[in-house]
Amino acid sequence: MLLLLVSIPATAKPLKIGLFGDGGGSPTKYINDKQPPKTLEMIEIWSSSDVAGSGAVINGIRFTYIDDKGTQRIVPSKNGTWGSANGTLHKVTINTDKQEYVTKIEGGIGKAFDEDLGITSLKFTTKKSNNRQTYGPYGDPNNGTPFSVPLENAAIVGFFASFDTHLNGLGFYALQLASGNNA
């Protein structure tokens, strides 16, 4: 398993972590630097299957965040995805008013149906107060090399990706939590 431990500096600008997987497909897509993420609200994931051993991949992703000016942003757009919107849709809603944060992402990198490398599974862990909640795994957690990005005193606030018909690679934006919101 690829385990990445990252120390997030105390800055107002999110830190980019990764790209996990392959930079193939389209050029890597990033969030506009003039609209940096501050809080992640929702993650939408399309997977070809959620059966272990099926060889499934993550087909697409879209997410909603609040930027540093308080404006809600949907990436890539309300009607778009990074990758494709084929397969089963999973929605992960993060309850930000209850101070819930994504503190860990686990996944897999392996061969996709077309023999390209791709993201084969994703699982998210959130924390609010002292309770942890997991969402997923989506895709096939038995397909590929696992990776894990656990954060302490920080939260995942957005994503960047390379893709074609599925996610080839996925990276994360992380931001240090304010005092009293420790992950």
N, C-alpha and C. Protein backbone atom coordinates (compact mmCIF):
# COMPACT_ATOMS: atom_id res chain seq x y z
N MET A 1 0.84 -1.17 0.00
CA MET A 1 0.00 0.00 0.00
C MET A 1 0.88 1.23 0.00
N LEU A 2 0.49 2.19 -0.80
CA LEU A 2 1.16 3.48 -0.83
C LEU A 2 0.51 4.35 0.23
N LEU A 3 1.25 4.72 1.26
CA LEU A 3 0.73 5.55 2.35
C LEU A 3 1.49 6.85 2.32
N LEU A 4 0.76 7.93 2.20
CA LEU A 4 1.37 9.25 2.13
C LEU A 4 1.00 10.04 3.36
N LEU A 5 1.98 10.40 4.18
CA LEU A 5 1.76 11.24 5.35
C LEU A 5 2.22 12.64 4.99
N VAL A 6 1.34 13.61 5.14
CA VAL A 6 1.62 14.97 4.71
C VAL A 6 1.42 15.92 5.86
N SER A 7 2.34 16.85 6.02
CA SER A 7 2.17 17.92 6.99
C SER A 7 1.68 19.14 6.22
N ILE A 8 0.51 19.64 6.59
CA ILE A 8 -0.09 20.77 5.88
C ILE A 8 0.33 22.06 6.58
N PRO A 9 1.00 22.96 5.86
CA PRO A 9 1.41 24.22 6.49
C PRO A 9 0.20 25.11 6.79
N ALA A 10 0.37 26.00 7.75
CA ALA A 10 -0.71 26.92 8.13
C ALA A 10 -0.73 28.08 7.14
N THR A 11 -1.37 27.88 6.00
CA THR A 11 -1.52 28.93 5.00
C THR A 11 -2.98 29.00 4.60
N ALA A 12 -3.33 30.09 3.97
CA ALA A 12 -4.71 30.24 3.50
C ALA A 12 -4.91 29.53 2.17
N LYS A 13 -3.83 29.15 1.51
CA LYS A 13 -3.91 28.50 0.20
C LYS A 13 -3.84 26.98 0.36
N PRO A 14 -4.76 26.24 -0.27
CA PRO A 14 -4.72 24.77 -0.18
C PRO A 14 -3.45 24.19 -0.80
N LEU A 15 -2.99 23.08 -0.23
CA LEU A 15 -1.83 22.35 -0.71
C LEU A 15 -2.29 21.24 -1.64
N LYS A 16 -1.62 21.07 -2.79
CA LYS A 16 -1.94 19.97 -3.70
C LYS A 16 -1.18 18.72 -3.27
N ILE A 17 -1.91 17.58 -3.21
CA ILE A 17 -1.33 16.29 -2.84
C ILE A 17 -1.58 15.33 -3.99
N GLY A 18 -0.53 14.71 -4.51
CA GLY A 18 -0.70 13.72 -5.57
C GLY A 18 -0.39 14.33 -6.92
N LEU A 19 -0.49 13.52 -7.81
CA LEU A 19 -1.51 12.83 -8.55
C LEU A 19 -1.32 11.32 -8.33
N PHE A 20 -2.37 10.65 -7.88
CA PHE A 20 -2.34 9.21 -7.73
C PHE A 20 -2.91 8.62 -9.00
N GLY A 21 -2.21 7.64 -9.54
CA GLY A 21 -2.63 7.04 -10.79
C GLY A 21 -1.77 7.55 -11.93
N ASP A 22 -2.41 7.77 -13.06
CA ASP A 22 -1.72 8.09 -14.30
C ASP A 22 -2.14 9.48 -14.77
N GLY A 23 -1.21 10.21 -15.34
CA GLY A 23 -1.51 11.51 -15.92
C GLY A 23 -2.04 11.39 -17.33
N GLY A 24 -2.35 10.17 -17.78
CA GLY A 24 -2.86 9.96 -19.13
C GLY A 24 -4.25 10.53 -19.31
N GLY A 25 -4.77 10.39 -20.50
CA GLY A 25 -6.08 10.96 -20.79
C GLY A 25 -5.93 12.44 -21.07
N SER A 26 -6.88 13.22 -20.63
CA SER A 26 -6.82 14.66 -20.84
C SER A 26 -5.72 15.24 -19.97
N PRO A 27 -5.28 16.46 -20.30
CA PRO A 27 -4.35 17.12 -19.37
C PRO A 27 -5.01 17.24 -18.00
N THR A 28 -4.21 17.20 -16.97
CA THR A 28 -4.74 17.28 -15.62
C THR A 28 -5.52 18.57 -15.45
N LYS A 29 -6.71 18.46 -14.86
CA LYS A 29 -7.59 19.61 -14.63
C LYS A 29 -7.48 20.03 -13.17
N TYR A 30 -7.31 21.33 -12.97
CA TYR A 30 -7.17 21.90 -11.63
C TYR A 30 -8.30 22.89 -11.36
N ILE A 31 -8.47 23.24 -10.12
CA ILE A 31 -9.39 24.29 -9.73
C ILE A 31 -8.76 25.64 -10.09
N ASN A 32 -9.57 26.59 -10.46
CA ASN A 32 -9.11 27.94 -10.76
C ASN A 32 -8.44 28.53 -9.51
N ASP A 33 -7.19 28.98 -9.64
CA ASP A 33 -6.44 29.52 -8.50
C ASP A 33 -7.09 30.77 -7.91
N LYS A 34 -7.95 31.43 -8.68
CA LYS A 34 -8.62 32.62 -8.16
C LYS A 34 -9.87 32.26 -7.37
N GLN A 35 -10.20 30.96 -7.31
CA GLN A 35 -11.36 30.48 -6.56
C GLN A 35 -10.96 29.29 -5.69
N PRO A 36 -9.97 29.46 -4.79
CA PRO A 36 -9.46 28.32 -4.03
C PRO A 36 -10.50 27.74 -3.08
N PRO A 37 -10.51 26.41 -2.94
CA PRO A 37 -11.49 25.77 -2.05
C PRO A 37 -11.17 26.01 -0.58
N LYS A 38 -12.22 26.18 0.20
CA LYS A 38 -12.08 26.32 1.65
C LYS A 38 -12.78 25.18 2.38
N THR A 39 -13.94 24.75 1.86
CA THR A 39 -14.72 23.69 2.48
C THR A 39 -15.34 22.81 1.41
N LEU A 40 -15.21 21.50 1.54
CA LEU A 40 -15.81 20.54 0.62
C LEU A 40 -17.23 20.23 1.10
N GLU A 41 -18.22 20.31 0.18
CA GLU A 41 -19.61 20.06 0.56
C GLU A 41 -20.16 18.74 0.04
N MET A 42 -19.81 18.37 -1.20
CA MET A 42 -20.37 17.14 -1.77
C MET A 42 -19.38 16.56 -2.77
N ILE A 43 -19.38 15.22 -2.82
CA ILE A 43 -18.59 14.49 -3.81
C ILE A 43 -19.56 13.56 -4.53
N GLU A 44 -19.53 13.60 -5.85
CA GLU A 44 -20.34 12.68 -6.65
C GLU A 44 -19.38 11.80 -7.44
N ILE A 45 -19.58 10.49 -7.34
CA ILE A 45 -18.68 9.50 -7.96
C ILE A 45 -19.51 8.56 -8.80
N TRP A 46 -19.03 8.30 -10.02
CA TRP A 46 -19.66 7.29 -10.87
C TRP A 46 -18.70 6.11 -10.97
N SER A 47 -19.19 4.91 -10.64
CA SER A 47 -18.36 3.71 -10.73
C SER A 47 -19.03 2.69 -11.63
N SER A 48 -18.19 1.90 -12.31
CA SER A 48 -18.73 0.90 -13.24
C SER A 48 -19.34 -0.28 -12.50
N SER A 49 -18.91 -0.55 -11.28
CA SER A 49 -19.45 -1.61 -10.44
C SER A 49 -18.91 -1.38 -9.04
N ASP A 50 -19.59 -1.94 -8.06
CA ASP A 50 -19.11 -1.86 -6.68
C ASP A 50 -18.94 -3.25 -6.09
N VAL A 51 -18.63 -4.21 -6.95
CA VAL A 51 -18.45 -5.59 -6.52
C VAL A 51 -16.95 -5.88 -6.48
N ALA A 52 -16.46 -6.30 -5.31
CA ALA A 52 -15.05 -6.65 -5.18
C ALA A 52 -14.70 -7.77 -6.16
N GLY A 53 -13.58 -7.61 -6.85
CA GLY A 53 -13.13 -8.61 -7.82
C GLY A 53 -13.73 -8.43 -9.21
N SER A 54 -14.52 -7.38 -9.42
CA SER A 54 -15.20 -7.18 -10.71
C SER A 54 -14.32 -6.49 -11.74
N GLY A 55 -13.19 -5.92 -11.31
CA GLY A 55 -12.35 -5.17 -12.24
C GLY A 55 -12.89 -3.79 -12.52
N ALA A 56 -13.77 -3.30 -11.67
CA ALA A 56 -14.41 -2.01 -11.87
C ALA A 56 -13.42 -0.86 -11.71
N VAL A 57 -13.81 0.29 -12.25
CA VAL A 57 -13.04 1.52 -12.12
C VAL A 57 -13.98 2.65 -11.72
N ILE A 58 -13.36 3.76 -11.32
CA ILE A 58 -14.11 4.99 -11.08
C ILE A 58 -14.21 5.70 -12.43
N ASN A 59 -15.42 5.83 -12.93
CA ASN A 59 -15.63 6.44 -14.24
C ASN A 59 -15.53 7.96 -14.21
N GLY A 60 -16.08 8.58 -13.17
CA GLY A 60 -16.09 10.04 -13.14
C GLY A 60 -16.28 10.59 -11.74
N ILE A 61 -15.99 11.89 -11.62
CA ILE A 61 -16.15 12.57 -10.34
C ILE A 61 -16.57 14.01 -10.60
N ARG A 62 -17.39 14.53 -9.70
CA ARG A 62 -17.76 15.94 -9.66
C ARG A 62 -17.86 16.29 -8.18
N PHE A 63 -17.55 17.52 -7.83
CA PHE A 63 -17.62 17.90 -6.42
C PHE A 63 -18.05 19.35 -6.27
N THR A 64 -18.55 19.65 -5.08
CA THR A 64 -19.02 20.98 -4.75
C THR A 64 -18.23 21.47 -3.55
N TYR A 65 -17.74 22.71 -3.65
CA TYR A 65 -17.00 23.29 -2.54
C TYR A 65 -17.39 24.75 -2.35
N ILE A 66 -17.03 25.30 -1.19
CA ILE A 66 -17.19 26.72 -0.90
C ILE A 66 -15.80 27.33 -1.03
N ASP A 67 -15.70 28.41 -1.81
CA ASP A 67 -14.39 29.04 -1.99
C ASP A 67 -14.08 30.00 -0.84
N ASP A 68 -12.92 30.65 -0.93
CA ASP A 68 -12.47 31.51 0.16
C ASP A 68 -13.30 32.78 0.31
N LYS A 69 -14.20 33.06 -0.65
CA LYS A 69 -15.09 34.22 -0.56
C LYS A 69 -16.51 33.82 -0.17
N GLY A 70 -16.74 32.50 0.09
CA GLY A 70 -18.04 32.02 0.52
C GLY A 70 -18.97 31.63 -0.62
N THR A 71 -18.47 31.57 -1.85
CA THR A 71 -19.28 31.21 -3.01
C THR A 71 -19.23 29.71 -3.25
N GLN A 72 -20.39 29.11 -3.49
CA GLN A 72 -20.44 27.68 -3.80
C GLN A 72 -19.97 27.46 -5.24
N ARG A 73 -19.10 26.48 -5.44
CA ARG A 73 -18.56 26.15 -6.76
C ARG A 73 -18.79 24.67 -7.03
N ILE A 74 -19.23 24.35 -8.25
CA ILE A 74 -19.39 22.97 -8.68
C ILE A 74 -18.34 22.71 -9.75
N VAL A 75 -17.53 21.68 -9.55
CA VAL A 75 -16.43 21.38 -10.47
C VAL A 75 -16.63 19.98 -11.03
N PRO A 76 -16.57 19.76 -12.36
CA PRO A 76 -16.24 20.78 -13.34
C PRO A 76 -17.39 21.71 -13.67
N SER A 77 -18.64 21.28 -13.62
CA SER A 77 -19.81 22.14 -13.79
C SER A 77 -21.03 21.35 -13.34
N LYS A 78 -22.15 22.03 -13.22
CA LYS A 78 -23.37 21.37 -12.75
C LYS A 78 -23.74 20.17 -13.61
N ASN A 79 -23.50 20.24 -14.91
CA ASN A 79 -23.89 19.16 -15.82
C ASN A 79 -22.70 18.35 -16.35
N GLY A 80 -21.50 18.57 -15.82
CA GLY A 80 -20.33 17.89 -16.32
C GLY A 80 -19.70 16.96 -15.30
N THR A 81 -18.71 16.21 -15.75
CA THR A 81 -17.91 15.37 -14.85
C THR A 81 -16.48 15.36 -15.37
N TRP A 82 -15.57 15.04 -14.48
CA TRP A 82 -14.22 14.69 -14.91
C TRP A 82 -14.28 13.19 -15.11
N GLY A 83 -14.14 12.73 -16.35
CA GLY A 83 -14.36 11.34 -16.71
C GLY A 83 -15.73 11.23 -17.33
N SER A 84 -16.44 10.15 -17.06
CA SER A 84 -17.78 9.99 -17.62
C SER A 84 -18.81 9.78 -16.51
N ALA A 85 -20.05 10.07 -16.83
CA ALA A 85 -21.16 9.90 -15.87
C ALA A 85 -21.85 8.57 -16.12
N ASN A 86 -21.07 7.55 -16.50
CA ASN A 86 -21.61 6.21 -16.72
C ASN A 86 -21.48 5.38 -15.45
N GLY A 87 -22.43 4.48 -15.25
CA GLY A 87 -22.37 3.58 -14.11
C GLY A 87 -23.23 4.08 -12.96
N THR A 88 -22.91 3.59 -11.78
CA THR A 88 -23.67 3.90 -10.58
C THR A 88 -23.19 5.21 -9.97
N LEU A 89 -24.14 6.10 -9.69
CA LEU A 89 -23.82 7.38 -9.06
C LEU A 89 -23.88 7.23 -7.54
N HIS A 90 -22.84 7.71 -6.86
CA HIS A 90 -22.79 7.75 -5.40
C HIS A 90 -22.60 9.21 -4.99
N LYS A 91 -23.41 9.68 -4.05
CA LYS A 91 -23.28 11.04 -3.54
C LYS A 91 -22.84 11.01 -2.09
N VAL A 92 -21.78 11.71 -1.80
CA VAL A 92 -21.28 11.85 -0.44
C VAL A 92 -21.51 13.31 -0.04
N THR A 93 -22.44 13.53 0.87
CA THR A 93 -22.74 14.89 1.34
C THR A 93 -22.03 15.10 2.67
N ILE A 94 -21.23 16.16 2.72
CA ILE A 94 -20.48 16.46 3.93
C ILE A 94 -21.25 17.54 4.67
N ASN A 95 -21.55 17.29 5.92
CA ASN A 95 -22.37 18.18 6.73
C ASN A 95 -21.49 19.27 7.34
N THR A 96 -21.19 20.31 6.55
CA THR A 96 -20.23 21.32 6.99
C THR A 96 -20.76 22.18 8.13
N ASP A 97 -22.11 22.33 8.23
CA ASP A 97 -22.63 23.13 9.33
C ASP A 97 -22.43 22.42 10.67
N LYS A 98 -22.24 21.12 10.63
CA LYS A 98 -21.94 20.34 11.84
C LYS A 98 -20.44 20.08 11.96
N GLN A 99 -19.66 20.82 11.18
CA GLN A 99 -18.20 20.74 11.18
C GLN A 99 -17.69 19.34 10.87
N GLU A 100 -18.20 18.77 9.79
CA GLU A 100 -17.73 17.48 9.30
C GLU A 100 -16.72 17.75 8.19
N TYR A 101 -15.60 17.02 8.20
CA TYR A 101 -14.52 17.21 7.24
C TYR A 101 -14.05 15.87 6.71
N VAL A 102 -13.59 15.86 5.45
CA VAL A 102 -12.95 14.66 4.90
C VAL A 102 -11.51 14.65 5.40
N THR A 103 -11.17 13.62 6.17
CA THR A 103 -9.85 13.54 6.79
C THR A 103 -8.98 12.41 6.24
N LYS A 104 -9.57 11.55 5.40
CA LYS A 104 -8.80 10.44 4.85
C LYS A 104 -9.44 9.98 3.54
N ILE A 105 -8.59 9.70 2.57
CA ILE A 105 -9.05 9.11 1.31
C ILE A 105 -8.20 7.89 1.04
N GLU A 106 -8.89 6.79 0.72
CA GLU A 106 -8.22 5.55 0.33
C GLU A 106 -8.72 5.17 -1.05
N GLY A 107 -7.88 4.50 -1.79
CA GLY A 107 -8.30 4.08 -3.12
C GLY A 107 -7.36 3.06 -3.70
N GLY A 108 -7.57 2.78 -4.98
CA GLY A 108 -6.73 1.84 -5.70
C GLY A 108 -6.35 2.39 -7.05
N ILE A 109 -5.19 1.97 -7.53
CA ILE A 109 -4.69 2.33 -8.86
C ILE A 109 -4.42 1.03 -9.58
N GLY A 110 -5.08 0.81 -10.71
CA GLY A 110 -4.91 -0.45 -11.43
C GLY A 110 -5.31 -0.33 -12.87
N LYS A 111 -5.35 -1.47 -13.53
CA LYS A 111 -5.72 -1.53 -14.94
C LYS A 111 -7.22 -1.33 -15.08
N ALA A 112 -7.57 -0.43 -15.98
CA ALA A 112 -8.98 -0.21 -16.32
C ALA A 112 -9.33 -1.14 -17.48
N PHE A 113 -10.59 -1.12 -17.88
CA PHE A 113 -11.06 -2.02 -18.93
C PHE A 113 -10.26 -1.88 -20.23
N ASP A 114 -9.82 -0.66 -20.54
CA ASP A 114 -9.09 -0.44 -21.79
C ASP A 114 -7.57 -0.59 -21.61
N GLU A 115 -7.17 -1.15 -20.50
CA GLU A 115 -5.77 -1.42 -20.17
C GLU A 115 -4.97 -0.19 -19.77
N ASP A 116 -5.61 1.00 -19.75
CA ASP A 116 -4.94 2.17 -19.18
C ASP A 116 -4.95 2.05 -17.68
N LEU A 117 -4.02 2.75 -17.04
CA LEU A 117 -4.10 2.85 -15.58
C LEU A 117 -5.27 3.74 -15.21
N GLY A 118 -5.89 3.42 -14.10
CA GLY A 118 -7.01 4.22 -13.65
C GLY A 118 -7.21 4.10 -12.16
N ILE A 119 -8.08 4.93 -11.64
CA ILE A 119 -8.48 4.85 -10.24
C ILE A 119 -9.55 3.76 -10.17
N THR A 120 -9.28 2.71 -9.42
CA THR A 120 -10.17 1.55 -9.39
C THR A 120 -11.13 1.57 -8.22
N SER A 121 -10.82 2.34 -7.18
CA SER A 121 -11.73 2.44 -6.04
C SER A 121 -11.44 3.71 -5.26
N LEU A 122 -12.45 4.16 -4.52
CA LEU A 122 -12.31 5.31 -3.62
C LEU A 122 -13.14 5.07 -2.37
N LYS A 123 -12.59 5.50 -1.25
CA LYS A 123 -13.29 5.45 0.04
C LYS A 123 -12.91 6.70 0.80
N PHE A 124 -13.90 7.33 1.43
CA PHE A 124 -13.70 8.59 2.14
C PHE A 124 -14.01 8.40 3.61
N THR A 125 -13.21 9.01 4.48
CA THR A 125 -13.49 9.03 5.91
C THR A 125 -13.65 10.48 6.32
N THR A 126 -14.74 10.74 7.04
CA THR A 126 -14.96 12.09 7.56
C THR A 126 -14.93 12.05 9.08
N LYS A 127 -14.80 13.23 9.65
CA LYS A 127 -14.82 13.35 11.09
C LYS A 127 -15.64 14.57 11.46
N LYS A 128 -16.53 14.39 12.40
CA LYS A 128 -17.21 15.51 13.04
C LYS A 128 -17.24 15.20 14.53
N SER A 129 -16.89 16.19 15.31
CA SER A 129 -16.68 15.99 16.74
C SER A 129 -15.68 14.84 16.90
N ASN A 130 -16.02 13.81 17.65
CA ASN A 130 -15.11 12.67 17.80
C ASN A 130 -15.58 11.45 17.03
N ASN A 131 -16.56 11.63 16.15
CA ASN A 131 -17.12 10.52 15.39
C ASN A 131 -16.55 10.49 13.98
N ARG A 132 -16.27 9.29 13.51
CA ARG A 132 -15.78 9.10 12.14
C ARG A 132 -16.84 8.36 11.35
N GLN A 133 -16.96 8.73 10.09
CA GLN A 133 -17.92 8.12 9.17
C GLN A 133 -17.16 7.73 7.90
N THR A 134 -17.42 6.55 7.37
CA THR A 134 -16.80 6.15 6.11
C THR A 134 -17.86 6.06 5.02
N TYR A 135 -17.46 6.40 3.81
CA TYR A 135 -18.30 6.32 2.62
C TYR A 135 -17.54 5.51 1.59
N GLY A 136 -18.17 4.43 1.13
CA GLY A 136 -17.50 3.56 0.17
C GLY A 136 -17.02 2.30 0.86
N PRO A 137 -16.26 1.48 0.17
CA PRO A 137 -15.55 1.82 -1.07
C PRO A 137 -16.48 1.78 -2.28
N TYR A 138 -16.19 2.67 -3.22
CA TYR A 138 -16.85 2.71 -4.51
C TYR A 138 -15.86 2.17 -5.53
N GLY A 139 -16.36 1.41 -6.50
CA GLY A 139 -15.47 0.73 -7.44
C GLY A 139 -15.08 -0.63 -6.89
N ASP A 140 -13.91 -1.11 -7.30
CA ASP A 140 -13.43 -2.44 -6.89
C ASP A 140 -12.19 -2.30 -6.02
N PRO A 141 -12.33 -2.43 -4.68
CA PRO A 141 -11.18 -2.26 -3.79
C PRO A 141 -10.14 -3.37 -3.93
N ASN A 142 -10.47 -4.47 -4.62
CA ASN A 142 -9.50 -5.56 -4.83
C ASN A 142 -8.73 -5.42 -6.13
N ASN A 143 -9.00 -4.39 -6.90
CA ASN A 143 -8.34 -4.18 -8.19
C ASN A 143 -7.29 -3.09 -8.04
N GLY A 144 -6.03 -3.45 -8.15
CA GLY A 144 -4.98 -2.45 -8.17
C GLY A 144 -4.20 -2.33 -6.87
N THR A 145 -3.26 -1.40 -6.91
CA THR A 145 -2.40 -1.09 -5.77
C THR A 145 -3.10 -0.07 -4.89
N PRO A 146 -3.30 -0.39 -3.61
CA PRO A 146 -4.00 0.56 -2.74
C PRO A 146 -3.14 1.77 -2.39
N PHE A 147 -3.81 2.90 -2.17
CA PHE A 147 -3.16 4.10 -1.64
C PHE A 147 -4.02 4.66 -0.52
N SER A 148 -3.39 5.41 0.37
CA SER A 148 -4.09 6.01 1.50
C SER A 148 -3.50 7.37 1.81
N VAL A 149 -4.36 8.36 2.01
CA VAL A 149 -3.93 9.70 2.37
C VAL A 149 -4.67 10.12 3.64
N PRO A 150 -4.11 9.79 4.83
CA PRO A 150 -4.71 10.24 6.08
C PRO A 150 -4.16 11.61 6.46
N LEU A 151 -5.00 12.48 6.96
CA LEU A 151 -4.57 13.81 7.36
C LEU A 151 -4.85 14.04 8.83
N GLU A 152 -3.97 14.77 9.48
CA GLU A 152 -4.19 15.19 10.85
C GLU A 152 -4.21 16.71 10.86
N ASN A 153 -5.18 17.28 11.57
CA ASN A 153 -5.33 18.74 11.66
C ASN A 153 -5.51 19.39 10.30
N ALA A 154 -6.04 18.63 9.35
CA ALA A 154 -6.26 19.15 8.00
C ALA A 154 -7.44 18.41 7.37
N ALA A 155 -7.96 18.97 6.29
CA ALA A 155 -9.10 18.38 5.61
C ALA A 155 -8.91 18.44 4.10
N ILE A 156 -9.46 17.45 3.40
CA ILE A 156 -9.52 17.48 1.94
C ILE A 156 -10.61 18.48 1.57
N VAL A 157 -10.28 19.44 0.70
CA VAL A 157 -11.25 20.48 0.33
C VAL A 157 -11.56 20.51 -1.17
N GLY A 158 -10.87 19.68 -1.96
CA GLY A 158 -11.11 19.65 -3.40
C GLY A 158 -10.24 18.61 -4.07
N PHE A 159 -10.36 18.52 -5.40
CA PHE A 159 -9.67 17.50 -6.19
C PHE A 159 -9.09 18.10 -7.46
N PHE A 160 -8.14 17.39 -8.05
CA PHE A 160 -7.72 17.63 -9.43
C PHE A 160 -7.55 16.26 -10.07
N ALA A 161 -7.63 16.20 -11.41
CA ALA A 161 -7.72 14.88 -12.04
C ALA A 161 -7.22 14.89 -13.47
N SER A 162 -6.82 13.71 -13.93
CA SER A 162 -6.63 13.43 -15.35
C SER A 162 -7.63 12.32 -15.68
N PHE A 163 -8.14 12.33 -16.91
CA PHE A 163 -9.23 11.39 -17.23
C PHE A 163 -9.40 11.28 -18.74
N ASP A 164 -10.07 10.21 -19.13
CA ASP A 164 -10.65 10.07 -20.46
C ASP A 164 -12.04 9.51 -20.22
N THR A 165 -12.30 8.23 -20.52
CA THR A 165 -13.62 7.66 -20.23
C THR A 165 -13.76 7.24 -18.77
N HIS A 166 -12.68 7.32 -18.02
CA HIS A 166 -12.67 7.03 -16.59
C HIS A 166 -11.59 7.90 -15.96
N LEU A 167 -11.49 7.88 -14.64
CA LEU A 167 -10.43 8.64 -13.98
C LEU A 167 -9.11 7.91 -14.14
N ASN A 168 -8.14 8.55 -14.78
CA ASN A 168 -6.80 7.99 -14.89
C ASN A 168 -5.98 8.30 -13.65
N GLY A 169 -6.17 9.51 -13.11
CA GLY A 169 -5.42 9.94 -11.94
C GLY A 169 -6.23 10.92 -11.12
N LEU A 170 -5.97 10.96 -9.81
CA LEU A 170 -6.70 11.84 -8.92
C LEU A 170 -5.75 12.40 -7.88
N GLY A 171 -5.85 13.69 -7.64
CA GLY A 171 -5.09 14.37 -6.60
C GLY A 171 -6.03 15.16 -5.72
N PHE A 172 -5.51 15.72 -4.65
CA PHE A 172 -6.34 16.34 -3.63
C PHE A 172 -5.80 17.70 -3.23
N TYR A 173 -6.71 18.58 -2.87
CA TYR A 173 -6.36 19.85 -2.23
C TYR A 173 -6.66 19.68 -0.75
N ALA A 174 -5.70 20.05 0.10
CA ALA A 174 -5.90 19.95 1.56
C ALA A 174 -5.62 21.30 2.20
N LEU A 175 -6.34 21.57 3.26
CA LEU A 175 -6.21 22.83 3.97
C LEU A 175 -6.13 22.55 5.46
N GLN A 176 -5.23 23.24 6.15
CA GLN A 176 -5.12 23.06 7.59
C GLN A 176 -6.39 23.55 8.26
N LEU A 177 -6.86 22.80 9.25
CA LEU A 177 -8.06 23.19 10.00
C LEU A 177 -7.73 24.27 11.01
N ALA A 178 -8.72 25.11 11.28
CA ALA A 178 -8.56 26.13 12.30
C ALA A 178 -8.48 25.46 13.68
N SER A 179 -7.91 26.13 14.62
CA SER A 179 -7.83 25.59 15.99
C SER A 179 -9.21 25.19 16.47
N GLY A 180 -9.28 24.06 17.15
CA GLY A 180 -10.54 23.56 17.67
C GLY A 180 -11.28 22.66 16.70
N ASN A 181 -10.82 22.56 15.45
CA ASN A 181 -11.45 21.69 14.45
C ASN A 181 -10.52 20.56 14.07
N ASN A 182 -9.71 20.11 14.97
CA ASN A 182 -8.69 19.11 14.65
C ASN A 182 -9.30 17.81 14.17
N ALA A 183 -8.69 17.29 13.12
CA ALA A 183 -9.18 16.04 12.50
C ALA A 183 -8.85 14.84 13.33
